[in-house]
Amino acid sequence: MAGIYRTLPVGRPYRAILSRVSSYADEAAAFLRRRRLTRQPFARVWWSGGRGASYAPETETGRALFLAAAELIDVAGPKPR
């Protein structure tokens, strides 16, 4: 019976599983970090007929759309108590 344990790799078997799971978690966290860094805000407007346009917040139209959206959120949001 002692000979069986000598053929097993050094270390605990659960460590291999733990290492694999933690590496997947690290990869997922890195993916989310990269996505968060590359994602830029924009305002998208759609017209009837299916035509649409995206505006960056640096443009004059984008700035006006972001301000209007912020005011709508303030008006529609919960009332302070």
N, C-alpha and C. Protein backbone atom coordinates (compact mmCIF):
# COMPACT_ATOMS: atom_id res chain seq x y z
N MET A 1 0.82 -1.20 0.00
CA MET A 1 0.00 0.00 0.00
C MET A 1 0.86 1.26 0.00
N ALA A 2 2.00 1.23 0.64
CA ALA A 2 2.87 2.39 0.70
C ALA A 2 3.45 2.71 -0.67
N GLY A 3 3.59 1.71 -1.54
CA GLY A 3 4.15 1.93 -2.87
C GLY A 3 3.26 2.78 -3.76
N ILE A 4 1.96 2.75 -3.54
CA ILE A 4 1.02 3.54 -4.35
C ILE A 4 1.26 5.03 -4.11
N TYR A 5 1.46 5.43 -2.88
CA TYR A 5 1.64 6.84 -2.55
C TYR A 5 2.96 7.40 -3.05
N ARG A 6 3.94 6.53 -3.27
CA ARG A 6 5.22 7.00 -3.78
C ARG A 6 5.13 7.38 -5.25
N THR A 7 4.18 6.85 -5.98
CA THR A 7 4.06 7.16 -7.41
C THR A 7 3.26 8.43 -7.66
N LEU A 8 2.55 8.94 -6.65
CA LEU A 8 1.79 10.17 -6.82
C LEU A 8 2.73 11.36 -6.88
N PRO A 9 2.37 12.40 -7.62
CA PRO A 9 3.22 13.59 -7.67
C PRO A 9 3.29 14.25 -6.30
N VAL A 10 4.37 14.98 -6.09
CA VAL A 10 4.57 15.66 -4.81
C VAL A 10 3.53 16.76 -4.68
N GLY A 11 2.97 16.91 -3.51
CA GLY A 11 1.97 17.95 -3.29
C GLY A 11 0.58 17.35 -3.16
N ARG A 12 -0.33 18.18 -2.86
CA ARG A 12 -1.71 17.75 -2.68
C ARG A 12 -2.47 17.83 -4.01
N PRO A 13 -3.36 16.88 -4.30
CA PRO A 13 -4.09 16.90 -5.57
C PRO A 13 -5.00 18.13 -5.72
N TYR A 14 -5.53 18.65 -4.63
CA TYR A 14 -6.43 19.79 -4.73
C TYR A 14 -5.70 21.06 -5.16
N ARG A 15 -4.39 21.10 -4.98
CA ARG A 15 -3.63 22.29 -5.37
C ARG A 15 -3.61 22.50 -6.87
N ALA A 16 -3.62 21.42 -7.63
CA ALA A 16 -3.66 21.54 -9.09
C ALA A 16 -4.99 22.15 -9.53
N ILE A 17 -6.07 21.70 -8.91
CA ILE A 17 -7.40 22.25 -9.24
C ILE A 17 -7.48 23.71 -8.80
N LEU A 18 -6.99 24.00 -7.61
CA LEU A 18 -7.01 25.37 -7.11
C LEU A 18 -6.19 26.30 -8.00
N SER A 19 -5.05 25.81 -8.47
CA SER A 19 -4.21 26.61 -9.36
C SER A 19 -4.92 26.90 -10.67
N ARG A 20 -5.59 25.91 -11.22
CA ARG A 20 -6.30 26.09 -12.49
C ARG A 20 -7.45 27.07 -12.33
N VAL A 21 -8.24 26.94 -11.26
CA VAL A 21 -9.37 27.84 -11.03
C VAL A 21 -8.89 29.26 -10.81
N SER A 22 -7.82 29.43 -10.03
CA SER A 22 -7.33 30.78 -9.77
C SER A 22 -6.76 31.41 -11.04
N SER A 23 -6.17 30.61 -11.93
CA SER A 23 -5.66 31.18 -13.18
C SER A 23 -6.82 31.63 -14.06
N TYR A 24 -7.93 30.88 -14.10
CA TYR A 24 -9.11 31.31 -14.85
C TYR A 24 -9.67 32.60 -14.27
N ALA A 25 -9.71 32.72 -12.94
CA ALA A 25 -10.21 33.93 -12.30
C ALA A 25 -9.32 35.12 -12.61
N ASP A 26 -8.00 34.92 -12.61
CA ASP A 26 -7.08 36.00 -12.96
C ASP A 26 -7.28 36.46 -14.40
N GLU A 27 -7.48 35.50 -15.31
CA GLU A 27 -7.72 35.85 -16.71
C GLU A 27 -9.00 36.64 -16.87
N ALA A 28 -10.06 36.23 -16.18
CA ALA A 28 -11.34 36.95 -16.26
C ALA A 28 -11.21 38.36 -15.70
N ALA A 29 -10.50 38.53 -14.60
CA ALA A 29 -10.31 39.86 -14.02
C ALA A 29 -9.52 40.76 -14.96
N ALA A 30 -8.50 40.21 -15.61
CA ALA A 30 -7.72 41.00 -16.56
C ALA A 30 -8.57 41.41 -17.76
N PHE A 31 -9.42 40.50 -18.24
CA PHE A 31 -10.30 40.83 -19.35
C PHE A 31 -11.23 41.98 -18.99
N LEU A 32 -11.82 41.92 -17.81
CA LEU A 32 -12.73 42.99 -17.39
C LEU A 32 -11.99 44.31 -17.21
N ARG A 33 -10.77 44.26 -16.69
CA ARG A 33 -9.97 45.47 -16.55
C ARG A 33 -9.68 46.11 -17.90
N ARG A 34 -9.27 45.28 -18.87
CA ARG A 34 -8.98 45.81 -20.21
C ARG A 34 -10.24 46.39 -20.85
N ARG A 35 -11.35 45.72 -20.68
CA ARG A 35 -12.61 46.19 -21.26
C ARG A 35 -13.02 47.52 -20.65
N ARG A 36 -12.85 47.66 -19.34
CA ARG A 36 -13.22 48.89 -18.66
C ARG A 36 -12.33 50.04 -19.11
N LEU A 37 -11.05 49.79 -19.37
CA LEU A 37 -10.13 50.84 -19.79
C LEU A 37 -10.39 51.30 -21.22
N THR A 38 -10.81 50.39 -22.09
CA THR A 38 -11.00 50.75 -23.50
C THR A 38 -12.39 51.28 -23.79
N ARG A 39 -13.32 51.08 -22.89
CA ARG A 39 -14.71 51.49 -23.14
C ARG A 39 -14.82 53.01 -22.97
N GLN A 40 -15.36 53.68 -23.96
CA GLN A 40 -15.53 55.13 -23.92
C GLN A 40 -17.02 55.47 -23.97
N PRO A 41 -17.46 56.48 -23.23
CA PRO A 41 -18.88 56.87 -23.27
C PRO A 41 -19.23 57.51 -24.62
N PHE A 42 -20.47 57.34 -25.02
CA PHE A 42 -20.97 57.96 -26.23
C PHE A 42 -22.47 58.08 -26.13
N ALA A 43 -23.02 58.94 -26.94
CA ALA A 43 -24.49 59.08 -27.00
C ALA A 43 -24.91 58.64 -28.39
N ARG A 44 -25.89 57.77 -28.46
CA ARG A 44 -26.38 57.27 -29.75
C ARG A 44 -27.81 57.77 -29.94
N VAL A 45 -28.07 58.33 -31.11
CA VAL A 45 -29.39 58.86 -31.45
C VAL A 45 -29.91 58.11 -32.66
N TRP A 46 -31.19 57.71 -32.59
CA TRP A 46 -31.83 57.00 -33.70
C TRP A 46 -32.98 57.83 -34.25
N TRP A 47 -33.11 57.88 -35.55
CA TRP A 47 -34.21 58.57 -36.21
C TRP A 47 -35.15 57.54 -36.78
N SER A 48 -36.37 57.98 -37.10
CA SER A 48 -37.31 57.06 -37.74
C SER A 48 -36.73 56.66 -39.09
N GLY A 49 -36.94 55.44 -39.47
CA GLY A 49 -36.35 54.93 -40.69
C GLY A 49 -35.10 54.11 -40.42
N GLY A 50 -34.64 54.09 -39.15
CA GLY A 50 -33.52 53.24 -38.77
C GLY A 50 -32.15 53.88 -38.85
N ARG A 51 -32.06 55.14 -39.26
CA ARG A 51 -30.75 55.79 -39.31
C ARG A 51 -30.34 56.19 -37.90
N GLY A 52 -29.07 56.04 -37.59
CA GLY A 52 -28.58 56.40 -36.27
C GLY A 52 -27.20 57.01 -36.34
N ALA A 53 -26.81 57.68 -35.27
CA ALA A 53 -25.49 58.29 -35.19
C ALA A 53 -25.00 58.24 -33.75
N SER A 54 -23.68 58.11 -33.59
CA SER A 54 -23.05 58.11 -32.27
C SER A 54 -22.25 59.40 -32.11
N TYR A 55 -22.33 59.99 -30.92
CA TYR A 55 -21.63 61.24 -30.65
C TYR A 55 -20.74 61.06 -29.44
N ALA A 56 -19.48 61.42 -29.58
CA ALA A 56 -18.53 61.37 -28.46
C ALA A 56 -18.78 62.55 -27.54
N PRO A 57 -18.47 62.45 -26.25
CA PRO A 57 -18.72 63.56 -25.33
C PRO A 57 -17.83 64.78 -25.59
N GLU A 58 -16.79 64.63 -26.40
CA GLU A 58 -15.91 65.76 -26.70
C GLU A 58 -16.51 66.71 -27.74
N THR A 59 -17.49 66.22 -28.51
CA THR A 59 -18.10 67.06 -29.53
C THR A 59 -19.16 67.95 -28.90
N GLU A 60 -19.51 69.02 -29.60
CA GLU A 60 -20.53 69.94 -29.08
C GLU A 60 -21.89 69.25 -28.96
N THR A 61 -22.26 68.48 -29.97
CA THR A 61 -23.54 67.75 -29.92
C THR A 61 -23.53 66.71 -28.82
N GLY A 62 -22.44 65.98 -28.68
CA GLY A 62 -22.33 64.98 -27.63
C GLY A 62 -22.43 65.59 -26.24
N ARG A 63 -21.77 66.72 -26.04
CA ARG A 63 -21.83 67.41 -24.75
C ARG A 63 -23.26 67.82 -24.42
N ALA A 64 -23.98 68.37 -25.42
CA ALA A 64 -25.38 68.78 -25.21
C ALA A 64 -26.26 67.57 -24.89
N LEU A 65 -26.03 66.45 -25.57
CA LEU A 65 -26.82 65.24 -25.30
C LEU A 65 -26.54 64.70 -23.90
N PHE A 66 -25.27 64.70 -23.47
CA PHE A 66 -24.94 64.21 -22.14
C PHE A 66 -25.55 65.10 -21.06
N LEU A 67 -25.54 66.41 -21.26
CA LEU A 67 -26.15 67.32 -20.28
C LEU A 67 -27.66 67.11 -20.20
N ALA A 68 -28.30 66.95 -21.36
CA ALA A 68 -29.75 66.71 -21.38
C ALA A 68 -30.09 65.38 -20.70
N ALA A 69 -29.29 64.36 -20.94
CA ALA A 69 -29.53 63.06 -20.31
C ALA A 69 -29.35 63.16 -18.79
N ALA A 70 -28.34 63.89 -18.34
CA ALA A 70 -28.12 64.05 -16.90
C ALA A 70 -29.29 64.76 -16.25
N GLU A 71 -29.83 65.79 -16.93
CA GLU A 71 -31.00 66.49 -16.38
C GLU A 71 -32.22 65.57 -16.33
N LEU A 72 -32.42 64.74 -17.36
CA LEU A 72 -33.54 63.80 -17.34
C LEU A 72 -33.40 62.79 -16.21
N ILE A 73 -32.20 62.32 -15.98
CA ILE A 73 -31.98 61.36 -14.88
C ILE A 73 -32.25 62.02 -13.54
N ASP A 74 -31.84 63.28 -13.38
CA ASP A 74 -32.10 64.00 -12.12
C ASP A 74 -33.60 64.18 -11.91
N VAL A 75 -34.33 64.52 -12.96
CA VAL A 75 -35.77 64.73 -12.83
C VAL A 75 -36.50 63.43 -12.56
N ALA A 76 -36.12 62.37 -13.25
CA ALA A 76 -36.83 61.10 -13.13
C ALA A 76 -36.37 60.27 -11.93
N GLY A 77 -35.25 60.64 -11.32
CA GLY A 77 -34.70 59.87 -10.22
C GLY A 77 -35.55 59.99 -8.96
N PRO A 78 -35.19 59.22 -7.94
CA PRO A 78 -35.94 59.27 -6.69
C PRO A 78 -35.83 60.64 -6.03
N LYS A 79 -36.89 61.05 -5.42
CA LYS A 79 -36.93 62.36 -4.74
C LYS A 79 -36.15 62.27 -3.43
N PRO A 80 -35.35 63.29 -3.10
CA PRO A 80 -34.61 63.26 -1.83
C PRO A 80 -35.58 63.35 -0.65
N ARG A 81 -35.23 62.67 0.42
CA ARG A 81 -36.12 62.65 1.59
C ARG A 81 -35.74 63.68 2.59
